Amino acid sequence: MIEVDARGLGCPIPVVKTKQAIEKNPGEQIIVLVDAAVAKENVSRLAACKKYNVQCEAAATEEFRLLLSPM
C-alpha cells in the first residue's frame, strides 16, 4: 500500500502528489494524509475522476486519512 503524506502542504500540492502516486502505482490502494478540508475535497474529486473509491477518516482536528481504492 502506498502512502502520500501531504500534511502541511497547500493546494494544489496534495492533489499533484496524489496524482503522481496514482500514475506510478496503477491498481494499488493509496493512503493520503491531509490536514485541510479543502485538500480532502480536492483529493477526493481527483480520486473519483480517476475511478477510485474514497473512504475518509478524521484522524484528528482538521486531519484526514483518505483511503483510495481502485474500482
N, C-alpha and C. Protein backbone atom coordinates (compact mmCIF):
# COMPACT_ATOMS: atom_id res chain seq x y z
N MET A 1 0.84 -1.17 0.00
CA MET A 1 0.00 0.00 0.00
C MET A 1 0.89 1.24 0.00
N ILE A 2 0.51 2.21 -0.79
CA ILE A 2 1.28 3.45 -0.95
C ILE A 2 0.72 4.49 0.00
N GLU A 3 1.59 5.30 0.60
CA GLU A 3 1.14 6.39 1.47
C GLU A 3 1.69 7.71 0.97
N VAL A 4 0.81 8.70 0.88
CA VAL A 4 1.19 10.06 0.49
C VAL A 4 0.91 10.95 1.69
N ASP A 5 1.94 11.55 2.25
CA ASP A 5 1.77 12.45 3.39
C ASP A 5 1.81 13.88 2.84
N ALA A 6 0.64 14.49 2.73
CA ALA A 6 0.53 15.84 2.19
C ALA A 6 0.14 16.84 3.28
N ARG A 7 0.35 16.47 4.53
CA ARG A 7 0.04 17.39 5.63
C ARG A 7 0.99 18.57 5.58
N GLY A 8 0.44 19.75 5.82
CA GLY A 8 1.25 20.95 5.84
C GLY A 8 1.50 21.54 4.46
N LEU A 9 0.96 20.91 3.43
CA LEU A 9 1.17 21.40 2.07
C LEU A 9 -0.10 22.07 1.56
N GLY A 10 0.06 23.24 0.96
CA GLY A 10 -1.09 23.96 0.42
C GLY A 10 -1.48 23.43 -0.95
N CYS A 11 -2.74 23.65 -1.29
CA CYS A 11 -3.22 23.24 -2.61
C CYS A 11 -2.49 24.05 -3.68
N PRO A 12 -2.17 23.43 -4.78
CA PRO A 12 -2.62 22.14 -5.28
C PRO A 12 -1.66 20.98 -5.01
N ILE A 13 -0.68 21.15 -4.14
CA ILE A 13 0.35 20.14 -3.94
C ILE A 13 -0.22 18.78 -3.49
N PRO A 14 -1.17 18.71 -2.56
CA PRO A 14 -1.73 17.39 -2.20
C PRO A 14 -2.34 16.67 -3.41
N VAL A 15 -3.00 17.41 -4.28
CA VAL A 15 -3.60 16.82 -5.48
C VAL A 15 -2.50 16.34 -6.42
N VAL A 16 -1.48 17.14 -6.62
CA VAL A 16 -0.37 16.77 -7.51
C VAL A 16 0.33 15.51 -7.00
N LYS A 17 0.62 15.45 -5.70
CA LYS A 17 1.29 14.28 -5.13
C LYS A 17 0.41 13.03 -5.25
N THR A 18 -0.89 13.19 -5.04
CA THR A 18 -1.81 12.06 -5.17
C THR A 18 -1.88 11.59 -6.61
N LYS A 19 -1.95 12.51 -7.54
CA LYS A 19 -2.00 12.16 -8.96
C LYS A 19 -0.74 11.40 -9.37
N GLN A 20 0.41 11.84 -8.90
CA GLN A 20 1.67 11.15 -9.20
C GLN A 20 1.65 9.73 -8.63
N ALA A 21 1.14 9.57 -7.42
CA ALA A 21 1.08 8.24 -6.79
C ALA A 21 0.15 7.32 -7.57
N ILE A 22 -0.98 7.84 -8.03
CA ILE A 22 -1.93 7.04 -8.82
C ILE A 22 -1.28 6.61 -10.12
N GLU A 23 -0.59 7.53 -10.78
CA GLU A 23 0.02 7.22 -12.08
C GLU A 23 1.19 6.23 -11.95
N LYS A 24 1.95 6.33 -10.86
CA LYS A 24 3.10 5.44 -10.67
C LYS A 24 2.71 4.07 -10.14
N ASN A 25 1.51 3.96 -9.55
CA ASN A 25 1.08 2.73 -8.90
C ASN A 25 -0.35 2.37 -9.30
N PRO A 26 -0.60 2.17 -10.59
CA PRO A 26 -1.97 1.89 -11.01
C PRO A 26 -2.51 0.61 -10.37
N GLY A 27 -3.75 0.66 -9.94
CA GLY A 27 -4.38 -0.52 -9.35
C GLY A 27 -4.06 -0.75 -7.90
N GLU A 28 -3.24 0.09 -7.29
CA GLU A 28 -2.86 -0.07 -5.88
C GLU A 28 -3.74 0.79 -4.98
N GLN A 29 -3.93 0.35 -3.75
CA GLN A 29 -4.58 1.20 -2.76
C GLN A 29 -3.59 2.27 -2.33
N ILE A 30 -4.11 3.46 -2.09
CA ILE A 30 -3.26 4.59 -1.71
C ILE A 30 -3.89 5.27 -0.49
N ILE A 31 -3.06 5.55 0.50
CA ILE A 31 -3.49 6.32 1.66
C ILE A 31 -2.95 7.73 1.49
N VAL A 32 -3.82 8.72 1.64
CA VAL A 32 -3.41 10.12 1.54
C VAL A 32 -3.73 10.81 2.86
N LEU A 33 -2.73 11.43 3.45
CA LEU A 33 -2.90 12.18 4.69
C LEU A 33 -2.89 13.66 4.38
N VAL A 34 -3.95 14.37 4.78
CA VAL A 34 -4.05 15.81 4.56
C VAL A 34 -4.51 16.47 5.85
N ASP A 35 -4.27 17.77 5.95
CA ASP A 35 -4.65 18.49 7.17
C ASP A 35 -5.52 19.71 6.88
N ALA A 36 -6.28 19.64 5.81
CA ALA A 36 -7.21 20.73 5.48
C ALA A 36 -8.42 20.14 4.77
N ALA A 37 -9.59 20.66 5.11
CA ALA A 37 -10.82 20.17 4.49
C ALA A 37 -10.81 20.41 2.98
N VAL A 38 -10.23 21.52 2.55
CA VAL A 38 -10.16 21.81 1.11
C VAL A 38 -9.32 20.76 0.39
N ALA A 39 -8.20 20.39 0.97
CA ALA A 39 -7.34 19.35 0.37
C ALA A 39 -8.09 18.02 0.32
N LYS A 40 -8.85 17.70 1.37
CA LYS A 40 -9.63 16.46 1.41
C LYS A 40 -10.63 16.45 0.26
N GLU A 41 -11.32 17.54 0.05
CA GLU A 41 -12.31 17.62 -1.03
C GLU A 41 -11.64 17.53 -2.41
N ASN A 42 -10.54 18.22 -2.60
CA ASN A 42 -9.86 18.23 -3.89
C ASN A 42 -9.27 16.86 -4.23
N VAL A 43 -8.66 16.21 -3.25
CA VAL A 43 -8.10 14.87 -3.47
C VAL A 43 -9.23 13.87 -3.74
N SER A 44 -10.32 14.01 -3.04
CA SER A 44 -11.47 13.12 -3.26
C SER A 44 -12.03 13.28 -4.67
N ARG A 45 -12.11 14.51 -5.15
CA ARG A 45 -12.59 14.76 -6.53
C ARG A 45 -11.65 14.14 -7.55
N LEU A 46 -10.34 14.31 -7.34
CA LEU A 46 -9.36 13.70 -8.25
C LEU A 46 -9.53 12.18 -8.27
N ALA A 47 -9.65 11.59 -7.09
CA ALA A 47 -9.78 10.13 -7.00
C ALA A 47 -11.02 9.65 -7.75
N ALA A 48 -12.12 10.34 -7.60
CA ALA A 48 -13.35 9.95 -8.30
C ALA A 48 -13.16 10.03 -9.81
N CYS A 49 -12.48 11.07 -10.28
CA CYS A 49 -12.21 11.21 -11.71
C CYS A 49 -11.32 10.09 -12.24
N LYS A 50 -10.45 9.59 -11.38
CA LYS A 50 -9.52 8.52 -11.76
C LYS A 50 -10.09 7.13 -11.48
N LYS A 51 -11.37 7.07 -11.13
CA LYS A 51 -12.09 5.81 -10.88
C LYS A 51 -11.60 5.09 -9.61
N TYR A 52 -11.43 5.86 -8.54
CA TYR A 52 -11.07 5.30 -7.24
C TYR A 52 -12.20 5.57 -6.26
N ASN A 53 -12.49 4.59 -5.40
CA ASN A 53 -13.41 4.80 -4.28
C ASN A 53 -12.62 5.50 -3.18
N VAL A 54 -13.30 6.35 -2.42
CA VAL A 54 -12.64 7.11 -1.35
C VAL A 54 -13.34 6.83 -0.03
N GLN A 55 -12.55 6.43 0.96
CA GLN A 55 -13.04 6.31 2.33
C GLN A 55 -12.26 7.33 3.14
N CYS A 56 -12.97 8.14 3.89
CA CYS A 56 -12.33 9.21 4.66
C CYS A 56 -12.51 8.96 6.15
N GLU A 57 -11.40 9.10 6.87
CA GLU A 57 -11.44 9.02 8.33
C GLU A 57 -10.85 10.31 8.88
N ALA A 58 -11.49 10.87 9.87
CA ALA A 58 -10.91 12.03 10.55
C ALA A 58 -9.85 11.51 11.51
N ALA A 59 -8.60 11.88 11.27
CA ALA A 59 -7.50 11.40 12.11
C ALA A 59 -7.35 12.27 13.36
N ALA A 60 -7.61 13.55 13.23
CA ALA A 60 -7.53 14.50 14.34
C ALA A 60 -8.27 15.75 13.87
N THR A 61 -8.27 16.77 14.67
CA THR A 61 -8.92 18.01 14.25
C THR A 61 -8.26 18.51 12.97
N GLU A 62 -9.09 18.62 11.93
CA GLU A 62 -8.63 19.09 10.62
C GLU A 62 -7.54 18.20 10.01
N GLU A 63 -7.45 16.96 10.42
CA GLU A 63 -6.56 15.99 9.76
C GLU A 63 -7.42 14.86 9.26
N PHE A 64 -7.13 14.44 8.03
CA PHE A 64 -7.93 13.40 7.40
C PHE A 64 -7.03 12.33 6.80
N ARG A 65 -7.52 11.09 6.86
CA ARG A 65 -6.83 9.95 6.25
C ARG A 65 -7.78 9.43 5.18
N LEU A 66 -7.35 9.53 3.93
CA LEU A 66 -8.15 9.10 2.80
C LEU A 66 -7.60 7.78 2.27
N LEU A 67 -8.47 6.80 2.16
CA LEU A 67 -8.09 5.52 1.57
C LEU A 67 -8.68 5.47 0.18
N LEU A 68 -7.81 5.45 -0.83
CA LEU A 68 -8.24 5.40 -2.22
C LEU A 68 -8.09 3.97 -2.72
N SER A 69 -9.17 3.40 -3.20
CA SER A 69 -9.18 2.03 -3.71
C SER A 69 -9.68 2.04 -5.15
N PRO A 70 -8.96 1.38 -6.05
CA PRO A 70 -9.44 1.35 -7.45
C PRO A 70 -10.77 0.63 -7.54
N MET A 71 -11.63 1.11 -8.43
CA MET A 71 -12.94 0.47 -8.64
C MET A 71 -12.79 -0.77 -9.47
